[in-house]
């Protein structure tokens, strides 16, 4: 079985759009600018929704597996765009050769916090779903 994905870009439309923009009146330019802002906001919302879904389907199960392997307490916090996974245990965290998925997840995190809380080792991974 063979699959092909063609991601080559057709760029002629860019010149055409630039030519059209050059001929717009101020009012038309404002309308186009507002439309672009609206389109960008919609795209960000769609990407954020997709990333939140990926987090639940792919990232969180791997973090849960690692939490189980390290005898940790896993706390997951979220708001509309940010997911925070915090693991806490008495022993600390070793990320060994067998933890390939956890290594990849750590690379995806926007912020990694390592701390001691009430005598327990704490590893916090923060994922900004608008920026991944």
Protein backbone atom coordinates (compact mmCIF):
# COMPACT_ATOMS: atom_id res chain seq x y z
CA UNK A 1 0.00 0.00 0.00
CA UNK A 2 1.26 3.45 -0.88
CA UNK A 3 -0.05 6.80 0.21
CA UNK A 4 0.92 10.13 -1.23
CA UNK A 5 0.47 13.56 0.32
CA UNK A 6 1.05 16.50 -1.99
CA UNK A 7 1.80 19.66 -0.04
CA UNK A 8 3.33 21.63 -2.88
CA UNK A 9 2.09 25.18 -2.88
CA UNK A 10 0.47 27.16 -5.62
CA UNK A 11 1.73 30.69 -5.04
CA UNK A 12 0.36 32.57 -8.08
CA UNK A 13 -2.68 33.63 -6.06
CA UNK A 14 -0.43 35.68 -3.73
CA UNK A 15 0.49 38.08 -6.53
CA UNK A 16 -3.15 38.25 -7.60
CA UNK A 17 -4.26 39.11 -4.04
CA UNK A 18 -1.58 41.79 -3.72
CA UNK A 19 -2.72 43.35 -7.00
CA UNK A 20 -6.33 43.40 -5.81
CA UNK A 21 -5.36 44.94 -2.45
CA UNK A 22 -3.51 47.73 -4.23
CA UNK A 23 -6.75 48.78 -5.94
CA UNK A 24 -8.94 48.91 -2.80
CA UNK A 25 -10.39 52.10 -1.38
CA UNK A 26 -9.83 52.96 2.29
CA UNK A 27 -13.28 51.65 3.23
CA UNK A 28 -12.72 48.44 1.28
CA UNK A 29 -9.28 48.04 2.86
CA UNK A 30 -10.82 48.40 6.34
CA UNK A 31 -13.47 45.79 5.49
CA UNK A 32 -10.82 43.38 4.16
CA UNK A 33 -8.65 43.97 7.25
CA UNK A 34 -11.61 43.21 9.54
CA UNK A 35 -12.34 40.05 7.55
CA UNK A 36 -8.71 38.92 7.84
CA UNK A 37 -8.77 39.50 11.60
CA UNK A 38 -11.97 37.48 11.87
CA UNK A 39 -10.53 34.70 9.71
CA UNK A 40 -7.34 34.56 11.80
CA UNK A 41 -9.37 34.37 15.03
CA UNK A 42 -11.47 31.53 13.62
CA UNK A 43 -8.32 29.68 12.54
CA UNK A 44 -6.79 30.06 16.02
CA UNK A 45 -9.99 28.76 17.61
CA UNK A 46 -10.03 25.73 15.29
CA UNK A 47 -6.34 25.00 15.95
CA UNK A 48 -6.86 25.34 19.70
CA UNK A 49 -9.85 23.00 19.60
CA UNK A 50 -7.84 20.46 17.59
CA UNK A 51 -4.90 20.68 20.01
CA UNK A 52 -7.15 20.25 23.05
CA UNK A 53 -8.52 17.12 21.39
CA UNK A 54 -5.00 15.84 20.61
CA UNK A 55 -4.02 16.51 24.22
CA UNK A 56 -6.87 14.34 25.50
CA UNK A 57 -6.38 11.58 22.93
CA UNK A 58 -2.61 11.33 22.61
CA UNK A 59 -0.69 13.32 25.21
CA UNK A 60 -2.67 12.73 28.41
CA UNK A 61 -2.71 8.89 28.12
CA UNK A 62 1.10 8.91 27.82
CA UNK A 63 1.44 11.17 30.85
CA UNK A 64 -0.94 8.89 32.79
CA UNK A 65 1.16 5.86 31.84
CA UNK A 66 4.33 7.64 33.02
CA UNK A 67 2.60 8.69 36.26
CA UNK A 68 1.66 5.06 36.90
CA UNK A 69 5.21 3.88 36.08
CA UNK A 70 6.70 6.42 38.53
CA UNK A 71 4.10 5.85 41.28
CA UNK A 72 3.02 9.47 41.00
CA UNK A 73 -0.07 11.47 41.72
CA UNK A 74 -1.21 13.14 38.48
CA UNK A 75 -3.18 16.38 38.64
CA UNK A 76 -4.55 17.82 35.38
CA UNK A 77 -5.81 21.40 35.31
CA UNK A 78 -7.26 23.17 32.31
CA UNK A 79 -8.94 26.30 31.09
CA UNK A 80 -10.05 27.21 27.59
CA UNK A 81 -6.56 27.10 26.07
CA UNK A 82 -4.02 25.85 28.63
CA UNK A 83 -3.52 22.33 29.97
CA UNK A 84 -1.32 21.75 33.03
CA UNK A 85 -0.24 18.24 34.01
CA UNK A 86 1.53 18.01 37.37
CA UNK A 87 3.09 14.80 38.62
CA UNK A 88 4.13 14.46 42.26
CA UNK A 89 5.86 11.62 44.10
CA UNK A 90 8.29 10.90 46.92
CA UNK A 91 11.07 9.51 44.74
CA UNK A 92 11.76 11.90 41.87
CA UNK A 93 11.56 11.32 38.15
CA UNK A 94 13.85 9.30 35.92
CA UNK A 95 13.21 9.55 32.22
CA UNK A 96 14.97 6.50 30.83
CA UNK A 97 15.42 4.91 27.42
CA UNK A 98 12.02 3.22 27.78
CA UNK A 99 10.29 6.60 28.24
CA UNK A 100 10.47 7.73 24.59
CA UNK A 101 6.92 9.11 24.55
CA UNK A 102 7.52 11.11 27.72
CA UNK A 103 10.66 12.60 26.17
CA UNK A 104 8.59 13.72 23.18
CA UNK A 105 5.83 15.12 25.40
CA UNK A 106 8.35 17.13 27.39
CA UNK A 107 9.53 18.64 24.09
CA UNK A 108 5.94 19.66 23.29
CA UNK A 109 5.41 21.41 26.62
CA UNK A 110 5.55 25.21 26.52
CA UNK A 111 6.86 25.31 30.09
CA UNK A 112 8.43 22.68 32.33
CA UNK A 113 8.48 23.23 36.08
CA UNK A 114 10.54 21.09 38.45
CA UNK A 115 10.02 21.70 42.14
CA UNK A 116 9.74 20.20 45.61
CA UNK A 117 6.25 20.53 47.17
CA UNK A 118 5.70 19.38 50.75
CA UNK A 119 8.71 17.05 50.48
CA UNK A 120 7.56 15.51 47.18
CA UNK A 121 9.21 15.89 43.79
CA UNK A 122 6.96 17.78 41.39
CA UNK A 123 7.08 17.90 37.59
CA UNK A 124 4.67 20.32 35.91
CA UNK A 125 4.14 20.40 32.16
CA UNK A 126 2.23 23.36 30.77
CA UNK A 127 0.76 23.18 27.29
CA UNK A 128 -0.57 26.36 25.68
CA UNK A 129 -2.89 24.90 23.07
CA UNK A 130 -2.86 28.11 21.04
CA UNK A 131 0.91 27.97 20.62
CA UNK A 132 1.76 24.34 19.90
